[in-house]
N, C-alpha and C. Protein backbone atom coordinates (compact mmCIF):
# COMPACT_ATOMS: atom_id res chain seq x y z
N UNK A 1 13.13 -1.23 4.98
CA UNK A 1 12.06 -0.60 4.20
C UNK A 1 12.07 -1.22 2.81
N UNK A 2 10.92 -1.65 2.35
CA UNK A 2 10.77 -2.20 1.02
C UNK A 2 10.03 -1.20 0.13
N UNK A 3 10.35 -1.22 -1.16
CA UNK A 3 9.75 -0.28 -2.12
C UNK A 3 9.12 -1.06 -3.27
N UNK A 4 7.89 -0.70 -3.58
CA UNK A 4 7.18 -1.29 -4.73
C UNK A 4 6.94 -0.15 -5.73
N UNK A 5 7.51 -0.24 -6.94
CA UNK A 5 7.37 0.83 -7.92
C UNK A 5 6.04 0.73 -8.69
N UNK A 6 4.99 1.22 -8.05
CA UNK A 6 3.65 1.14 -8.65
C UNK A 6 2.83 2.34 -8.18
N UNK A 7 1.96 2.83 -9.04
CA UNK A 7 1.07 3.93 -8.63
C UNK A 7 0.04 3.40 -7.66
N UNK A 8 -0.03 3.96 -6.44
CA UNK A 8 -1.01 3.49 -5.47
C UNK A 8 -2.44 3.68 -5.96
N UNK A 9 -3.30 2.79 -5.52
CA UNK A 9 -4.70 2.81 -5.91
C UNK A 9 -5.54 2.41 -4.71
N UNK A 10 -6.64 3.11 -4.45
CA UNK A 10 -7.51 2.69 -3.34
C UNK A 10 -8.29 1.44 -3.71
N UNK A 11 -8.67 0.69 -2.71
CA UNK A 11 -9.49 -0.49 -2.93
C UNK A 11 -10.93 -0.04 -3.16
N UNK A 12 -11.50 -0.37 -4.31
CA UNK A 12 -12.89 0.04 -4.58
C UNK A 12 -13.87 -0.89 -3.87
N UNK A 13 -15.09 -0.44 -3.78
CA UNK A 13 -16.13 -1.31 -3.23
C UNK A 13 -16.34 -2.47 -4.19
N UNK A 14 -16.62 -3.65 -3.65
CA UNK A 14 -16.85 -4.78 -4.56
C UNK A 14 -18.11 -4.56 -5.40
N UNK A 15 -18.09 -5.10 -6.59
CA UNK A 15 -19.25 -5.06 -7.49
C UNK A 15 -20.04 -6.35 -7.30
N UNK A 16 -21.32 -6.29 -7.63
CA UNK A 16 -22.16 -7.48 -7.48
C UNK A 16 -22.79 -7.82 -8.83
N UNK A 17 -22.64 -9.07 -9.21
CA UNK A 17 -23.21 -9.56 -10.46
C UNK A 17 -23.96 -10.85 -10.22
N UNK A 18 -24.33 -11.49 -11.30
CA UNK A 18 -25.11 -12.73 -11.16
C UNK A 18 -24.32 -13.85 -10.51
N UNK A 19 -22.97 -13.77 -10.53
CA UNK A 19 -22.13 -14.80 -9.90
C UNK A 19 -21.62 -14.38 -8.52
N UNK A 20 -22.16 -13.31 -7.96
CA UNK A 20 -21.76 -12.86 -6.64
C UNK A 20 -20.88 -11.62 -6.69
N UNK A 21 -20.14 -11.38 -5.62
CA UNK A 21 -19.30 -10.19 -5.51
C UNK A 21 -17.98 -10.39 -6.24
N UNK A 22 -17.47 -9.30 -6.83
CA UNK A 22 -16.19 -9.35 -7.52
C UNK A 22 -15.54 -7.97 -7.50
N UNK A 23 -14.23 -7.92 -7.72
CA UNK A 23 -13.51 -6.66 -7.81
C UNK A 23 -13.37 -6.25 -9.27
N UNK A 24 -13.11 -4.97 -9.49
CA UNK A 24 -12.93 -4.48 -10.85
C UNK A 24 -11.67 -5.08 -11.46
N UNK A 25 -11.62 -5.14 -12.77
CA UNK A 25 -10.45 -5.67 -13.46
C UNK A 25 -9.21 -4.82 -13.16
N UNK A 26 -9.39 -3.52 -13.12
CA UNK A 26 -8.27 -2.61 -12.85
C UNK A 26 -7.67 -2.90 -11.47
N UNK A 27 -8.51 -3.08 -10.47
CA UNK A 27 -8.02 -3.36 -9.12
C UNK A 27 -7.37 -4.75 -9.05
N UNK A 28 -7.95 -5.73 -9.72
CA UNK A 28 -7.37 -7.07 -9.72
C UNK A 28 -5.98 -7.06 -10.33
N UNK A 29 -5.78 -6.31 -11.42
CA UNK A 29 -4.45 -6.20 -12.03
C UNK A 29 -3.48 -5.48 -11.10
N UNK A 30 -3.96 -4.46 -10.42
CA UNK A 30 -3.14 -3.71 -9.46
C UNK A 30 -2.64 -4.65 -8.35
N UNK A 31 -3.55 -5.42 -7.79
CA UNK A 31 -3.18 -6.32 -6.70
C UNK A 31 -2.22 -7.41 -7.18
N UNK A 32 -2.43 -7.94 -8.39
CA UNK A 32 -1.51 -8.95 -8.95
C UNK A 32 -0.12 -8.36 -9.16
N UNK A 33 -0.06 -7.08 -9.57
CA UNK A 33 1.24 -6.43 -9.75
C UNK A 33 1.96 -6.29 -8.42
N UNK A 34 1.24 -5.92 -7.38
CA UNK A 34 1.85 -5.82 -6.04
C UNK A 34 2.38 -7.18 -5.61
N UNK A 35 1.59 -8.23 -5.81
CA UNK A 35 2.01 -9.58 -5.44
C UNK A 35 3.27 -9.97 -6.19
N UNK A 36 3.35 -9.62 -7.48
CA UNK A 36 4.55 -9.90 -8.26
C UNK A 36 5.77 -9.21 -7.65
N UNK A 37 5.65 -7.91 -7.34
CA UNK A 37 6.78 -7.19 -6.75
C UNK A 37 7.14 -7.74 -5.38
N UNK A 38 6.14 -8.15 -4.60
CA UNK A 38 6.42 -8.74 -3.29
C UNK A 38 7.24 -10.03 -3.44
N UNK A 39 6.93 -10.81 -4.45
CA UNK A 39 7.69 -12.05 -4.66
C UNK A 39 9.13 -11.75 -5.06
N UNK A 40 9.34 -10.66 -5.78
CA UNK A 40 10.69 -10.24 -6.17
C UNK A 40 11.50 -9.73 -4.98
N UNK A 41 10.82 -9.12 -4.00
CA UNK A 41 11.51 -8.54 -2.84
C UNK A 41 11.97 -9.60 -1.84
N UNK A 42 11.39 -10.79 -1.92
CA UNK A 42 11.76 -11.90 -1.03
C UNK A 42 11.65 -11.50 0.45
N UNK A 43 10.49 -10.99 0.82
CA UNK A 43 10.21 -10.60 2.20
C UNK A 43 9.98 -11.87 3.02
N UNK A 44 10.63 -11.98 4.17
CA UNK A 44 10.43 -13.19 4.98
C UNK A 44 8.99 -13.30 5.50
N UNK A 45 8.48 -14.51 5.46
CA UNK A 45 7.16 -14.78 6.03
C UNK A 45 7.27 -14.57 7.53
N UNK A 46 6.26 -13.94 8.12
CA UNK A 46 6.36 -13.70 9.55
C UNK A 46 5.03 -13.38 10.19
N UNK A 47 5.07 -13.35 11.50
CA UNK A 47 3.91 -13.00 12.30
C UNK A 47 4.08 -11.54 12.71
N UNK A 48 3.88 -10.63 11.76
CA UNK A 48 4.14 -9.22 11.97
C UNK A 48 2.99 -8.56 12.74
N UNK A 49 3.37 -7.60 13.59
CA UNK A 49 2.39 -6.88 14.41
C UNK A 49 2.12 -5.47 13.90
N UNK A 50 3.10 -4.89 13.20
CA UNK A 50 2.99 -3.49 12.79
C UNK A 50 3.33 -3.34 11.31
N UNK A 51 2.64 -2.41 10.66
CA UNK A 51 2.98 -2.03 9.29
C UNK A 51 3.03 -0.51 9.21
N UNK A 52 4.08 -0.01 8.59
CA UNK A 52 4.22 1.42 8.34
C UNK A 52 4.34 1.57 6.83
N UNK A 53 3.39 2.24 6.21
CA UNK A 53 3.36 2.35 4.75
C UNK A 53 3.26 3.81 4.32
N UNK A 54 4.02 4.14 3.28
CA UNK A 54 3.96 5.47 2.66
C UNK A 54 3.58 5.27 1.20
N UNK A 55 2.58 6.00 0.77
CA UNK A 55 2.10 5.91 -0.60
C UNK A 55 2.41 7.23 -1.31
N UNK A 56 3.13 7.14 -2.42
CA UNK A 56 3.55 8.31 -3.18
C UNK A 56 2.79 8.32 -4.50
N UNK A 57 1.97 9.36 -4.68
CA UNK A 57 1.09 9.47 -5.85
C UNK A 57 1.59 10.62 -6.73
N UNK A 58 1.79 10.36 -8.03
CA UNK A 58 2.25 11.44 -8.91
C UNK A 58 1.20 12.55 -9.03
N UNK A 59 1.70 13.77 -9.24
CA UNK A 59 0.79 14.89 -9.51
C UNK A 59 0.09 14.65 -10.85
N UNK A 60 -1.12 15.18 -11.01
CA UNK A 60 -1.74 15.13 -12.33
C UNK A 60 -0.90 15.91 -13.34
N UNK A 61 -0.89 15.47 -14.59
CA UNK A 61 -0.08 16.14 -15.61
C UNK A 61 -0.48 17.59 -15.81
N UNK A 62 -1.72 17.92 -15.46
CA UNK A 62 -2.20 19.30 -15.64
C UNK A 62 -1.72 20.25 -14.56
N UNK A 63 -1.02 19.75 -13.52
CA UNK A 63 -0.54 20.59 -12.43
C UNK A 63 0.60 21.48 -12.93
N UNK A 64 0.50 22.81 -12.71
CA UNK A 64 1.59 23.70 -13.14
C UNK A 64 2.90 23.35 -12.44
N UNK A 65 4.00 23.35 -13.19
CA UNK A 65 5.31 22.96 -12.64
C UNK A 65 5.72 23.80 -11.45
N UNK A 66 5.35 25.07 -11.43
CA UNK A 66 5.77 25.94 -10.33
C UNK A 66 5.09 25.59 -9.00
N UNK A 67 4.02 24.80 -9.05
CA UNK A 67 3.33 24.43 -7.81
C UNK A 67 3.69 23.03 -7.31
N UNK A 68 4.57 22.31 -8.03
CA UNK A 68 4.94 20.96 -7.63
C UNK A 68 5.89 20.97 -6.44
N UNK A 69 5.54 20.24 -5.42
CA UNK A 69 6.38 20.09 -4.24
C UNK A 69 6.50 18.59 -3.97
N UNK A 70 7.73 18.08 -4.02
CA UNK A 70 7.94 16.65 -3.79
C UNK A 70 7.66 16.30 -2.34
N UNK A 71 7.06 15.14 -2.14
CA UNK A 71 6.71 14.63 -0.80
C UNK A 71 5.73 15.53 -0.06
N UNK A 72 4.87 16.19 -0.80
CA UNK A 72 3.85 17.05 -0.18
C UNK A 72 2.70 16.16 0.31
N UNK A 73 2.19 16.39 1.54
CA UNK A 73 1.11 15.55 2.06
C UNK A 73 -0.10 15.56 1.13
N UNK A 74 -0.62 14.40 0.86
CA UNK A 74 -1.79 14.23 0.00
C UNK A 74 -3.03 14.16 0.88
N UNK A 75 -3.85 15.19 0.81
CA UNK A 75 -5.01 15.25 1.69
C UNK A 75 -6.32 14.97 0.96
N UNK A 76 -6.27 14.84 -0.35
CA UNK A 76 -7.48 14.53 -1.09
C UNK A 76 -7.28 13.22 -1.84
N UNK A 77 -8.08 12.91 -2.77
CA UNK A 77 -8.03 11.72 -3.63
C UNK A 77 -8.66 10.49 -2.99
N UNK A 78 -8.08 9.93 -1.95
CA UNK A 78 -8.63 8.72 -1.36
C UNK A 78 -8.26 8.63 0.11
N UNK A 79 -9.01 7.80 0.83
CA UNK A 79 -8.79 7.63 2.27
C UNK A 79 -7.62 6.70 2.53
N UNK A 80 -6.95 6.93 3.65
CA UNK A 80 -5.82 6.07 4.04
C UNK A 80 -6.25 4.62 4.20
N UNK A 81 -7.43 4.40 4.76
CA UNK A 81 -7.86 3.02 4.98
C UNK A 81 -8.13 2.28 3.67
N UNK A 82 -8.52 3.01 2.63
CA UNK A 82 -8.76 2.36 1.33
C UNK A 82 -7.47 2.03 0.60
N UNK A 83 -6.43 2.84 0.78
CA UNK A 83 -5.18 2.60 0.06
C UNK A 83 -4.33 1.51 0.75
N UNK A 84 -4.41 1.40 2.06
CA UNK A 84 -3.63 0.37 2.76
C UNK A 84 -4.24 -1.02 2.55
N UNK A 85 -5.53 -1.08 2.29
CA UNK A 85 -6.21 -2.37 2.14
C UNK A 85 -5.62 -3.19 1.00
N UNK A 86 -5.31 -2.56 -0.13
CA UNK A 86 -4.73 -3.29 -1.26
C UNK A 86 -3.39 -3.91 -0.92
N UNK A 87 -2.54 -3.14 -0.22
CA UNK A 87 -1.24 -3.66 0.19
C UNK A 87 -1.40 -4.83 1.17
N UNK A 88 -2.28 -4.66 2.14
CA UNK A 88 -2.49 -5.73 3.13
C UNK A 88 -3.05 -6.98 2.48
N UNK A 89 -4.01 -6.82 1.56
CA UNK A 89 -4.56 -7.98 0.86
C UNK A 89 -3.49 -8.68 0.03
N UNK A 90 -2.63 -7.90 -0.62
CA UNK A 90 -1.55 -8.50 -1.43
C UNK A 90 -0.54 -9.23 -0.53
N UNK A 91 -0.21 -8.67 0.63
CA UNK A 91 0.69 -9.34 1.56
C UNK A 91 0.10 -10.68 2.00
N UNK A 92 -1.19 -10.70 2.19
CA UNK A 92 -1.88 -11.92 2.60
C UNK A 92 -1.92 -12.92 1.44
N UNK A 93 -2.27 -12.45 0.24
CA UNK A 93 -2.34 -13.34 -0.92
C UNK A 93 -0.96 -13.90 -1.29
N UNK A 94 0.10 -13.11 -1.03
CA UNK A 94 1.47 -13.57 -1.31
C UNK A 94 2.00 -14.47 -0.20
N UNK A 95 1.18 -14.69 0.82
CA UNK A 95 1.51 -15.57 1.95
C UNK A 95 2.69 -15.06 2.78
N UNK A 96 2.86 -13.74 2.82
CA UNK A 96 3.88 -13.14 3.67
C UNK A 96 3.34 -12.98 5.08
N UNK A 97 2.04 -12.67 5.15
CA UNK A 97 1.35 -12.62 6.44
C UNK A 97 0.19 -13.60 6.38
N UNK A 98 -0.23 -14.07 7.55
CA UNK A 98 -1.34 -15.02 7.59
C UNK A 98 -2.67 -14.31 7.37
N UNK A 99 -2.85 -13.18 8.08
CA UNK A 99 -4.11 -12.44 7.99
C UNK A 99 -3.83 -11.00 8.39
N UNK A 100 -4.36 -10.05 7.63
CA UNK A 100 -4.10 -8.65 7.97
C UNK A 100 -4.82 -8.20 9.24
N UNK A 101 -5.74 -9.02 9.73
CA UNK A 101 -6.39 -8.70 11.01
C UNK A 101 -5.42 -8.82 12.18
N UNK A 102 -4.29 -9.50 11.97
CA UNK A 102 -3.32 -9.70 13.04
C UNK A 102 -2.45 -8.48 13.29
N UNK A 103 -2.50 -7.49 12.40
CA UNK A 103 -1.76 -6.25 12.65
C UNK A 103 -2.41 -5.54 13.82
N UNK A 104 -1.61 -5.14 14.80
CA UNK A 104 -2.16 -4.39 15.92
C UNK A 104 -2.05 -2.89 15.69
N UNK A 105 -1.21 -2.50 14.72
CA UNK A 105 -1.03 -1.08 14.44
C UNK A 105 -0.68 -0.88 12.98
N UNK A 106 -1.29 0.13 12.37
CA UNK A 106 -0.98 0.52 11.00
C UNK A 106 -0.71 2.02 10.99
N UNK A 107 0.40 2.40 10.40
CA UNK A 107 0.74 3.81 10.24
C UNK A 107 0.79 4.07 8.75
N UNK A 108 -0.12 4.89 8.26
CA UNK A 108 -0.28 5.12 6.83
C UNK A 108 -0.07 6.59 6.51
N UNK A 109 0.76 6.85 5.48
CA UNK A 109 1.02 8.21 5.03
C UNK A 109 0.81 8.28 3.53
N UNK A 110 0.28 9.42 3.05
CA UNK A 110 0.08 9.64 1.61
C UNK A 110 0.79 10.94 1.22
N UNK A 111 1.51 10.87 0.10
CA UNK A 111 2.24 12.04 -0.37
C UNK A 111 2.08 12.19 -1.88
N UNK A 112 2.28 13.41 -2.35
CA UNK A 112 2.43 13.67 -3.79
C UNK A 112 3.91 13.54 -4.12
N UNK A 113 4.20 13.06 -5.30
CA UNK A 113 5.58 12.98 -5.75
C UNK A 113 5.72 13.66 -7.10
N UNK A 114 6.87 14.27 -7.33
CA UNK A 114 7.14 14.91 -8.62
C UNK A 114 7.65 13.89 -9.64
N UNK A 115 7.88 12.66 -9.22
CA UNK A 115 8.31 11.60 -10.14
C UNK A 115 7.16 11.23 -11.06
N UNK A 116 7.48 10.72 -12.22
CA UNK A 116 6.45 10.33 -13.19
C UNK A 116 5.64 9.13 -12.70
N UNK A 117 6.26 8.25 -11.95
CA UNK A 117 5.59 7.07 -11.42
C UNK A 117 5.52 7.13 -9.90
N UNK A 118 4.45 6.59 -9.36
CA UNK A 118 4.30 6.53 -7.92
C UNK A 118 5.04 5.33 -7.35
N UNK A 119 4.93 5.16 -6.04
CA UNK A 119 5.56 4.02 -5.38
C UNK A 119 4.92 3.81 -4.01
N UNK A 120 5.16 2.63 -3.48
CA UNK A 120 4.72 2.29 -2.13
C UNK A 120 5.97 1.90 -1.36
N UNK A 121 6.20 2.53 -0.23
CA UNK A 121 7.29 2.17 0.67
C UNK A 121 6.64 1.63 1.94
N UNK A 122 7.17 0.52 2.44
CA UNK A 122 6.59 -0.01 3.67
C UNK A 122 7.61 -0.82 4.44
N UNK A 123 7.34 -0.98 5.72
CA UNK A 123 8.12 -1.88 6.55
C UNK A 123 7.18 -2.62 7.49
N UNK A 124 7.60 -3.81 7.83
CA UNK A 124 6.84 -4.68 8.72
C UNK A 124 7.69 -4.94 9.95
N UNK A 125 7.04 -4.96 11.12
CA UNK A 125 7.78 -5.22 12.35
C UNK A 125 6.99 -6.16 13.25
N UNK A 126 7.73 -6.94 14.01
CA UNK A 126 7.12 -7.74 15.07
C UNK A 126 7.16 -6.93 16.35
N UNK A 127 6.45 -7.39 17.33
CA UNK A 127 6.44 -6.71 18.63
C UNK A 127 7.86 -6.62 19.19
N UNK A 128 8.61 -7.70 19.04
CA UNK A 128 9.96 -7.76 19.59
C UNK A 128 10.91 -6.80 18.88
N UNK A 129 10.69 -6.58 17.58
CA UNK A 129 11.58 -5.71 16.79
C UNK A 129 11.28 -4.22 16.94
N UNK A 130 10.12 -3.90 17.50
CA UNK A 130 9.72 -2.49 17.60
C UNK A 130 10.55 -1.79 18.67
N UNK A 131 11.27 -0.71 18.31
CA UNK A 131 12.13 -0.02 19.28
C UNK A 131 11.37 0.54 20.48
N UNK A 132 10.09 0.82 20.33
CA UNK A 132 9.32 1.38 21.43
C UNK A 132 9.17 0.38 22.58
N UNK A 133 9.35 -0.91 22.29
CA UNK A 133 9.18 -1.95 23.32
C UNK A 133 10.47 -2.30 24.04
N UNK A 134 11.57 -1.64 23.69
CA UNK A 134 12.83 -1.92 24.39
C UNK A 134 12.81 -1.30 25.77
N UNK A 135 13.39 -2.01 26.73
CA UNK A 135 13.41 -1.48 28.11
C UNK A 135 14.77 -0.95 28.46
């Protein structure tokens, strides 16, 4: 399991300008930060089939302390498919995977965390490494 110490962010819809489609500056910085952390983790390049990712989002500062529950399922804020897209794009841009279309399965979880900073935990597996395929 690898950990990236960054507040998760959903992938926004691309913007369109006179030079074509582009991403917001905030999202571009987010993705560059993920790529930086991926390079520090030294993840082996591979032909991975599965990704399991957990996204931990800090509670808003306005949340009363008595209602904070660590690792509480996050059911609002953003969709699972929007939050995994940034990680998959960064894995592809960092040349750890060839193309995120090659994943045959994605397991995505979102949680609230009582920590001041969020994080992304994930693991990558090949078909051969997946315990469900052992006979």
